[in-house]
Amino acid sequence: MVYPVSTDSFVPEAIRDAFREIFEHQYDDVVVYGDRENDVVLHEGPVRMRGDGWLELPTGRLISPEAVHHIDIRSEN
C-alpha cells in the first residue's frame, strides 16, 4: 500500500503558519546572484524567502532555488 508523504490537505493551517514564521524571511534590500563571480544579478531589492526555497519578488514572480548561486543581504526588515 502506498501512503502520501505530505500534502497541504493533511497539514492543519495553524501548523503551516507556525513553520512559516520559522522558515520564511522577508528582506528589504538584497542582491540575488546567479553565478559565483557576481556577474549575473537576478534581482536587487526586497524579497521574501519562502520555506520551500523559492524567492518571491514584490511583483509576485518567483525565482527558483536552482537559479540562485548566492544572496547578499543588505538590510532586513
PDB file of N, CA and C in Angstrom:
ATOM      1  N   MET A   1       0.843  -1.175   0.000  1.00  0.00           N
ATOM      2  CA  MET A   1       0.000   0.000   0.000  1.00  0.00           C
ATOM      3  C   MET A   1       0.893   1.245   0.000  1.00  0.00           C
ATOM      4  N   VAL A   2       0.498   2.261  -0.728  1.00  0.00           N
ATOM      5  CA  VAL A   2       1.265   3.500  -0.835  1.00  0.00           C
ATOM      6  C   VAL A   2       0.544   4.601  -0.077  1.00  0.00           C
ATOM      7  N   TYR A   3       1.282   5.310   0.761  1.00  0.00           N
ATOM      8  CA  TYR A   3       0.736   6.436   1.515  1.00  0.00           C
ATOM      9  C   TYR A   3       1.395   7.721   1.063  1.00  0.00           C
ATOM     10  N   PRO A   4       0.631   8.777   0.931  1.00  0.00           N
ATOM     11  CA  PRO A   4       1.258  10.048   0.543  1.00  0.00           C
ATOM     12  C   PRO A   4       2.160  10.553   1.662  1.00  0.00           C
ATOM     13  N   VAL A   5       3.299  11.109   1.286  1.00  0.00           N
ATOM     14  CA  VAL A   5       4.238  11.627   2.282  1.00  0.00           C
ATOM     15  C   VAL A   5       3.667  12.865   2.939  1.00  0.00           C
ATOM     16  N   SER A   6       3.195  13.799   2.134  1.00  0.00           N
ATOM     17  CA  SER A   6       2.639  15.023   2.702  1.00  0.00           C
ATOM     18  C   SER A   6       1.881  15.780   1.628  1.00  0.00           C
ATOM     19  N   THR A   7       0.754  16.314   2.005  1.00  0.00           N
ATOM     20  CA  THR A   7       0.020  17.226   1.144  1.00  0.00           C
ATOM     21  C   THR A   7      -0.543  18.312   2.022  1.00  0.00           C
ATOM     22  N   ASP A   8      -0.876  19.437   1.408  1.00  0.00           N
ATOM     23  CA  ASP A   8      -1.408  20.554   2.181  1.00  0.00           C
ATOM     24  C   ASP A   8      -2.704  20.192   2.905  1.00  0.00           C
ATOM     25  N   SER A   9      -3.479  19.264   2.364  1.00  0.00           N
ATOM     26  CA  SER A   9      -4.748  18.926   2.993  1.00  0.00           C
ATOM     27  C   SER A   9      -4.552  18.198   4.328  1.00  0.00           C
ATOM     28  N   PHE A  10      -3.372  17.587   4.541  1.00  0.00           N
ATOM     29  CA  PHE A  10      -3.112  16.865   5.772  1.00  0.00           C
ATOM     30  C   PHE A  10      -2.467  17.736   6.847  1.00  0.00           C
ATOM     31  N   VAL A  11      -2.015  18.926   6.483  1.00  0.00           N
ATOM     32  CA  VAL A  11      -1.319  19.794   7.428  1.00  0.00           C
ATOM     33  C   VAL A  11      -2.259  20.912   7.862  1.00  0.00           C
ATOM     34  N   PRO A  12      -2.626  20.944   9.134  1.00  0.00           N
ATOM     35  CA  PRO A  12      -3.512  22.000   9.616  1.00  0.00           C
ATOM     36  C   PRO A  12      -2.897  23.388   9.397  1.00  0.00           C
ATOM     37  N   GLU A  13      -3.742  24.342   9.141  1.00  0.00           N
ATOM     38  CA  GLU A  13      -3.296  25.696   8.834  1.00  0.00           C
ATOM     39  C   GLU A  13      -2.459  26.299   9.966  1.00  0.00           C
ATOM     40  N   ALA A  14      -2.794  26.033  11.211  1.00  0.00           N
ATOM     41  CA  ALA A  14      -2.040  26.570  12.346  1.00  0.00           C
ATOM     42  C   ALA A  14      -0.592  26.081  12.333  1.00  0.00           C
ATOM     43  N   ILE A  15      -0.392  24.832  11.968  1.00  0.00           N
ATOM     44  CA  ILE A  15       0.964  24.281  11.901  1.00  0.00           C
ATOM     45  C   ILE A  15       1.732  24.922  10.754  1.00  0.00           C
ATOM     46  N   ARG A  16       1.088  25.069   9.600  1.00  0.00           N
ATOM     47  CA  ARG A  16       1.750  25.731   8.465  1.00  0.00           C
ATOM     48  C   ARG A  16       2.148  27.147   8.827  1.00  0.00           C
ATOM     49  N   ASP A  17       1.281  27.883   9.523  1.00  0.00           N
ATOM     50  CA  ASP A  17       1.591  29.255   9.915  1.00  0.00           C
ATOM     51  C   ASP A  17       2.765  29.313  10.885  1.00  0.00           C
ATOM     52  N   ALA A  18       2.820  28.382  11.814  1.00  0.00           N
ATOM     53  CA  ALA A  18       3.927  28.351  12.776  1.00  0.00           C
ATOM     54  C   ALA A  18       5.258  28.108  12.070  1.00  0.00           C
ATOM     55  N   PHE A  19       5.286  27.173  11.141  1.00  0.00           N
ATOM     56  CA  PHE A  19       6.516  26.899  10.412  1.00  0.00           C
ATOM     57  C   PHE A  19       6.866  28.019   9.444  1.00  0.00           C
ATOM     58  N   ARG A  20       5.867  28.687   8.920  1.00  0.00           N
ATOM     59  CA  ARG A  20       6.113  29.809   8.013  1.00  0.00           C
ATOM     60  C   ARG A  20       6.925  30.886   8.729  1.00  0.00           C
ATOM     61  N   GLU A  21       6.599  31.161   9.992  1.00  0.00           N
ATOM     62  CA  GLU A  21       7.328  32.166  10.758  1.00  0.00           C
ATOM     63  C   GLU A  21       8.774  31.757  10.989  1.00  0.00           C
ATOM     64  N   ILE A  22       9.020  30.460  11.098  1.00  0.00           N
ATOM     65  CA  ILE A  22      10.374  29.967  11.338  1.00  0.00           C
ATOM     66  C   ILE A  22      11.198  29.953  10.057  1.00  0.00           C
ATOM     67  N   PHE A  23      10.611  29.470   8.964  1.00  0.00           N
ATOM     68  CA  PHE A  23      11.376  29.205   7.749  1.00  0.00           C
ATOM     69  C   PHE A  23      11.275  30.286   6.677  1.00  0.00           C
ATOM     70  N   GLU A  24      10.364  31.209   6.795  1.00  0.00           N
ATOM     71  CA  GLU A  24      10.236  32.263   5.788  1.00  0.00           C
ATOM     72  C   GLU A  24      10.741  33.573   6.355  1.00  0.00           C
ATOM     73  N   HIS A  25      11.470  34.296   5.507  1.00  0.00           N
ATOM     74  CA  HIS A  25      12.061  35.559   5.925  1.00  0.00           C
ATOM     75  C   HIS A  25      11.804  36.623   4.874  1.00  0.00           C
ATOM     76  N   GLN A  26      11.627  37.833   5.329  1.00  0.00           N
ATOM     77  CA  GLN A  26      11.394  38.984   4.457  1.00  0.00           C
ATOM     78  C   GLN A  26      12.605  39.916   4.602  1.00  0.00           C
ATOM     79  N   TYR A  27      13.132  40.363   3.468  1.00  0.00           N
ATOM     80  CA  TYR A  27      14.270  41.285   3.472  1.00  0.00           C
ATOM     81  C   TYR A  27      13.935  42.499   2.626  1.00  0.00           C
ATOM     82  N   ASP A  28      14.367  43.668   3.097  1.00  0.00           N
ATOM     83  CA  ASP A  28      14.091  44.914   2.388  1.00  0.00           C
ATOM     84  C   ASP A  28      15.028  45.152   1.215  1.00  0.00           C
ATOM     85  N   ASP A  29      16.280  44.697   1.340  1.00  0.00           N
ATOM     86  CA  ASP A  29      17.266  45.011   0.312  1.00  0.00           C
ATOM     87  C   ASP A  29      18.276  43.882   0.192  1.00  0.00           C
ATOM     88  N   VAL A  30      18.208  43.163  -0.911  1.00  0.00           N
ATOM     89  CA  VAL A  30      19.139  42.073  -1.188  1.00  0.00           C
ATOM     90  C   VAL A  30      19.608  42.166  -2.632  1.00  0.00           C
ATOM     91  N   VAL A  31      20.682  41.453  -2.925  1.00  0.00           N
ATOM     92  CA  VAL A  31      21.112  41.228  -4.303  1.00  0.00           C
ATOM     93  C   VAL A  31      21.175  39.721  -4.478  1.00  0.00           C
ATOM     94  N   VAL A  32      20.456  39.216  -5.477  1.00  0.00           N
ATOM     95  CA  VAL A  32      20.400  37.783  -5.764  1.00  0.00           C
ATOM     96  C   VAL A  32      21.274  37.524  -6.986  1.00  0.00           C
ATOM     97  N   TYR A  33      22.278  36.670  -6.814  1.00  0.00           N
ATOM     98  CA  TYR A  33      23.218  36.372  -7.895  1.00  0.00           C
ATOM     99  C   TYR A  33      22.980  34.977  -8.453  1.00  0.00           C
ATOM    100  N   GLY A  34      23.191  34.851  -9.750  1.00  0.00           N
ATOM    101  CA  GLY A  34      23.040  33.570 -10.417  1.00  0.00           C
ATOM    102  C   GLY A  34      24.361  32.887 -10.709  1.00  0.00           C
ATOM    103  N   ASP A  35      25.481  33.531 -10.304  1.00  0.00           N
ATOM    104  CA  ASP A  35      26.798  32.946 -10.558  1.00  0.00           C
ATOM    105  C   ASP A  35      27.772  33.306  -9.446  1.00  0.00           C
ATOM    106  N   ARG A  36      28.870  32.596  -9.402  1.00  0.00           N
ATOM    107  CA  ARG A  36      29.868  32.790  -8.353  1.00  0.00           C
ATOM    108  C   ARG A  36      30.616  34.120  -8.478  1.00  0.00           C
ATOM    109  N   GLU A  37      30.815  34.592  -9.691  1.00  0.00           N
ATOM    110  CA  GLU A  37      31.619  35.782  -9.940  1.00  0.00           C
ATOM    111  C   GLU A  37      30.853  37.094  -9.751  1.00  0.00           C
ATOM    112  N   ASN A  38      29.590  37.031  -9.371  1.00  0.00           N
ATOM    113  CA  ASN A  38      28.732  38.212  -9.176  1.00  0.00           C
ATOM    114  C   ASN A  38      28.478  38.984 -10.466  1.00  0.00           C
ATOM    115  N   ASP A  39      28.531  38.304 -11.605  1.00  0.00           N
ATOM    116  CA  ASP A  39      28.265  38.950 -12.891  1.00  0.00           C
ATOM    117  C   ASP A  39      26.782  38.913 -13.251  1.00  0.00           C
ATOM    118  N   VAL A  40      26.098  37.864 -12.847  1.00  0.00           N
ATOM    119  CA  VAL A  40      24.684  37.687 -13.201  1.00  0.00           C
ATOM    120  C   VAL A  40      23.824  38.061 -11.997  1.00  0.00           C
ATOM    121  N   VAL A  41      23.217  39.248 -12.057  1.00  0.00           N
ATOM    122  CA  VAL A  41      22.321  39.707 -11.000  1.00  0.00           C
ATOM    123  C   VAL A  41      20.897  39.347 -11.410  1.00  0.00           C
ATOM    124  N   LEU A  42      20.254  38.509 -10.613  1.00  0.00           N
ATOM    125  CA  LEU A  42      18.890  38.089 -10.914  1.00  0.00           C
ATOM    126  C   LEU A  42      17.852  39.064 -10.351  1.00  0.00           C
ATOM    127  N   HIS A  43      18.205  39.732  -9.236  1.00  0.00           N
ATOM    128  CA  HIS A  43      17.253  40.649  -8.603  1.00  0.00           C
ATOM    129  C   HIS A  43      17.993  41.523  -7.604  1.00  0.00           C
ATOM    130  N   GLU A  44      17.546  42.781  -7.502  1.00  0.00           N
ATOM    131  CA  GLU A  44      18.003  43.698  -6.453  1.00  0.00           C
ATOM    132  C   GLU A  44      16.777  44.315  -5.822  1.00  0.00           C
ATOM    133  N   GLY A  45      16.752  44.364  -4.497  1.00  0.00           N
ATOM    134  CA  GLY A  45      15.631  44.980  -3.794  1.00  0.00           C
ATOM    135  C   GLY A  45      15.002  44.040  -2.795  1.00  0.00           C
ATOM    136  N   PRO A  46      13.719  44.284  -2.469  1.00  0.00           N
ATOM    137  CA  PRO A  46      13.041  43.459  -1.468  1.00  0.00           C
ATOM    138  C   PRO A  46      12.735  42.062  -1.997  1.00  0.00           C
ATOM    139  N   VAL A  47      12.700  41.106  -1.077  1.00  0.00           N
ATOM    140  CA  VAL A  47      12.406  39.726  -1.438  1.00  0.00           C
ATOM    141  C   VAL A  47      11.881  38.998  -0.207  1.00  0.00           C
ATOM    142  N   ARG A  48      11.053  37.988  -0.461  1.00  0.00           N
ATOM    143  CA  ARG A  48      10.592  37.100   0.611  1.00  0.00           C
ATOM    144  C   ARG A  48      11.151  35.724   0.309  1.00  0.00           C
ATOM    145  N   MET A  49      11.907  35.183   1.261  1.00  0.00           N
ATOM    146  CA  MET A  49      12.442  33.833   1.119  1.00  0.00           C
ATOM    147  C   MET A  49      11.407  32.872   1.687  1.00  0.00           C
ATOM    148  N   ARG A  50      10.837  32.080   0.803  1.00  0.00           N
ATOM    149  CA  ARG A  50       9.798  31.147   1.217  1.00  0.00           C
ATOM    150  C   ARG A  50      10.389  29.891   1.837  1.00  0.00           C
ATOM    151  N   GLY A  51       9.596  29.203   2.595  1.00  0.00           N
ATOM    152  CA  GLY A  51      10.028  27.988   3.274  1.00  0.00           C
ATOM    153  C   GLY A  51      10.427  26.864   2.340  1.00  0.00           C
ATOM    154  N   ASP A  52       9.941  26.910   1.104  1.00  0.00           N
ATOM    155  CA  ASP A  52      10.281  25.862   0.136  1.00  0.00           C
ATOM    156  C   ASP A  52      11.535  26.191  -0.676  1.00  0.00           C
ATOM    157  N   GLY A  53      12.207  27.312  -0.335  1.00  0.00           N
ATOM    158  CA  GLY A  53      13.448  27.666  -1.011  1.00  0.00           C
ATOM    159  C   GLY A  53      13.294  28.662  -2.142  1.00  0.00           C
ATOM    160  N   TRP A  54      12.089  28.886  -2.603  1.00  0.00           N
ATOM    161  CA  TRP A  54      11.857  29.827  -3.685  1.00  0.00           C
ATOM    162  C   TRP A  54      11.899  31.251  -3.145  1.00  0.00           C
ATOM    163  N   LEU A  55      12.303  32.184  -3.987  1.00  0.00           N
ATOM    164  CA  LEU A  55      12.314  33.599  -3.635  1.00  0.00           C
ATOM    165  C   LEU A  55      11.129  34.276  -4.294  1.00  0.00           C
ATOM    166  N   GLU A  56      10.359  35.002  -3.511  1.00  0.00           N
ATOM    167  CA  GLU A  56       9.192  35.707  -4.043  1.00  0.00           C
ATOM    168  C   GLU A  56       9.518  37.197  -4.144  1.00  0.00           C
ATOM    169  N   LEU A  57       9.366  37.738  -5.346  1.00  0.00           N
ATOM    170  CA  LEU A  57       9.622  39.150  -5.596  1.00  0.00           C
ATOM    171  C   LEU A  57       8.365  39.956  -5.309  1.00  0.00           C
ATOM    172  N   PRO A  58       8.495  41.275  -5.126  1.00  0.00           N
ATOM    173  CA  PRO A  58       7.320  42.112  -4.850  1.00  0.00           C
ATOM    174  C   PRO A  58       6.252  42.035  -5.950  1.00  0.00           C
ATOM    175  N   THR A  59       6.653  41.692  -7.159  1.00  0.00           N
ATOM    176  CA  THR A  59       5.715  41.570  -8.273  1.00  0.00           C
ATOM    177  C   THR A  59       4.913  40.276  -8.216  1.00  0.00           C
ATOM    178  N   GLY A  60       5.317  39.359  -7.312  1.00  0.00           N
ATOM    179  CA  GLY A  60       4.665  38.057  -7.235  1.00  0.00           C
ATOM    180  C   GLY A  60       5.412  36.986  -8.011  1.00  0.00           C
ATOM    181  N   ARG A  61       6.376  37.385  -8.822  1.00  0.00           N
ATOM    182  CA  ARG A  61       7.168  36.394  -9.564  1.00  0.00           C
ATOM    183  C   ARG A  61       8.059  35.632  -8.597  1.00  0.00           C
ATOM    184  N   LEU A  62       8.430  34.421  -8.989  1.00  0.00           N
ATOM    185  CA  LEU A  62       9.257  33.555  -8.153  1.00  0.00           C
ATOM    186  C   LEU A  62      10.577  33.254  -8.854  1.00  0.00           C
ATOM    187  N   ILE A  63      11.638  33.147  -8.055  1.00  0.00           N
ATOM    188  CA  ILE A  63      12.938  32.714  -8.563  1.00  0.00           C
ATOM    189  C   ILE A  63      13.229  31.352  -7.949  1.00  0.00           C
ATOM    190  N   SER A  64      13.537  30.394  -8.817  1.00  0.00           N
ATOM    191  CA  SER A  64      13.818  29.027  -8.388  1.00  0.00           C
ATOM    192  C   SER A  64      15.103  28.973  -7.579  1.00  0.00           C
ATOM    193  N   PRO A  65      15.137  28.132  -6.539  1.00  0.00           N
ATOM    194  CA  PRO A  65      16.380  27.969  -5.780  1.00  0.00           C
ATOM    195  C   PRO A  65      17.517  27.421  -6.646  1.00  0.00           C
ATOM    196  N   GLU A  66      17.188  26.717  -7.711  1.00  0.00           N
ATOM    197  CA  GLU A  66      18.207  26.179  -8.609  1.00  0.00           C
ATOM    198  C   GLU A  66      18.898  27.272  -9.418  1.00  0.00           C
ATOM    199  N   ALA A  67      18.252  28.421  -9.595  1.00  0.00           N
ATOM    200  CA  ALA A  67      18.819  29.530 -10.375  1.00  0.00           C
ATOM    201  C   ALA A  67      19.744  30.401  -9.540  1.00  0.00           C
ATOM    202  N   VAL A  68      19.641  30.312  -8.215  1.00  0.00           N
ATOM    203  CA  VAL A  68      20.371  31.212  -7.320  1.00  0.00           C
ATOM    204  C   VAL A  68      21.695  30.580  -6.881  1.00  0.00           C
ATOM    205  N   HIS A  69      22.776  31.343  -7.059  1.00  0.00           N
ATOM    206  CA  HIS A  69      24.065  30.891  -6.534  1.00  0.00           C
ATOM    207  C   HIS A  69      24.243  31.368  -5.104  1.00  0.00           C
ATOM    208  N   HIS A  70      23.996  32.669  -4.877  1.00  0.00           N
ATOM    209  CA  HIS A  70      24.064  33.202  -3.521  1.00  0.00           C
ATOM    210  C   HIS A  70      23.315  34.524  -3.433  1.00  0.00           C
ATOM    211  N   ILE A  71      23.088  34.971  -2.198  1.00  0.00           N
ATOM    212  CA  ILE A  71      22.341  36.201  -1.931  1.00  0.00           C
ATOM    213  C   ILE A  71      23.138  37.050  -0.956  1.00  0.00           C
ATOM    214  N   ASP A  72      23.315  38.314  -1.290  1.00  0.00           N
ATOM    215  CA  ASP A  72      23.899  39.277  -0.355  1.00  0.00           C
ATOM    216  C   ASP A  72      22.754  40.042   0.273  1.00  0.00           C
ATOM    217  N   ILE A  73      22.651  39.985   1.585  1.00  0.00           N
ATOM    218  CA  ILE A  73      21.596  40.685   2.311  1.00  0.00           C
ATOM    219  C   ILE A  73      22.142  42.026   2.767  1.00  0.00           C
ATOM    220  N   ARG A  74      21.534  43.086   2.269  1.00  0.00           N
ATOM    221  CA  ARG A  74      21.954  44.450   2.637  1.00  0.00           C
ATOM    222  C   ARG A  74      21.222  44.939   3.875  1.00  0.00           C
ATOM    223  N   SER A  75      19.922  44.634   3.974  1.00  0.00           N
ATOM    224  CA  SER A  75      19.157  45.020   5.160  1.00  0.00           C
ATOM    225  C   SER A  75      17.959  44.120   5.348  1.00  0.00           C
ATOM    226  N   GLU A  76      17.608  43.893   6.612  1.00  0.00           N
ATOM    227  CA  GLU A  76      16.443  43.091   6.964  1.00  0.00           C
ATOM    228  C   GLU A  76      15.355  44.034   7.454  1.00  0.00           C
ATOM    229  N   ASN A  77      14.110  43.561   7.418  1.00  0.00           N
ATOM    230  CA  ASN A  77      13.045  44.396   7.996  1.00  0.00           C
ATOM    231  C   ASN A  77      12.646  43.868   9.332  1.00  0.00           C
TER     232      ASN A  77
END
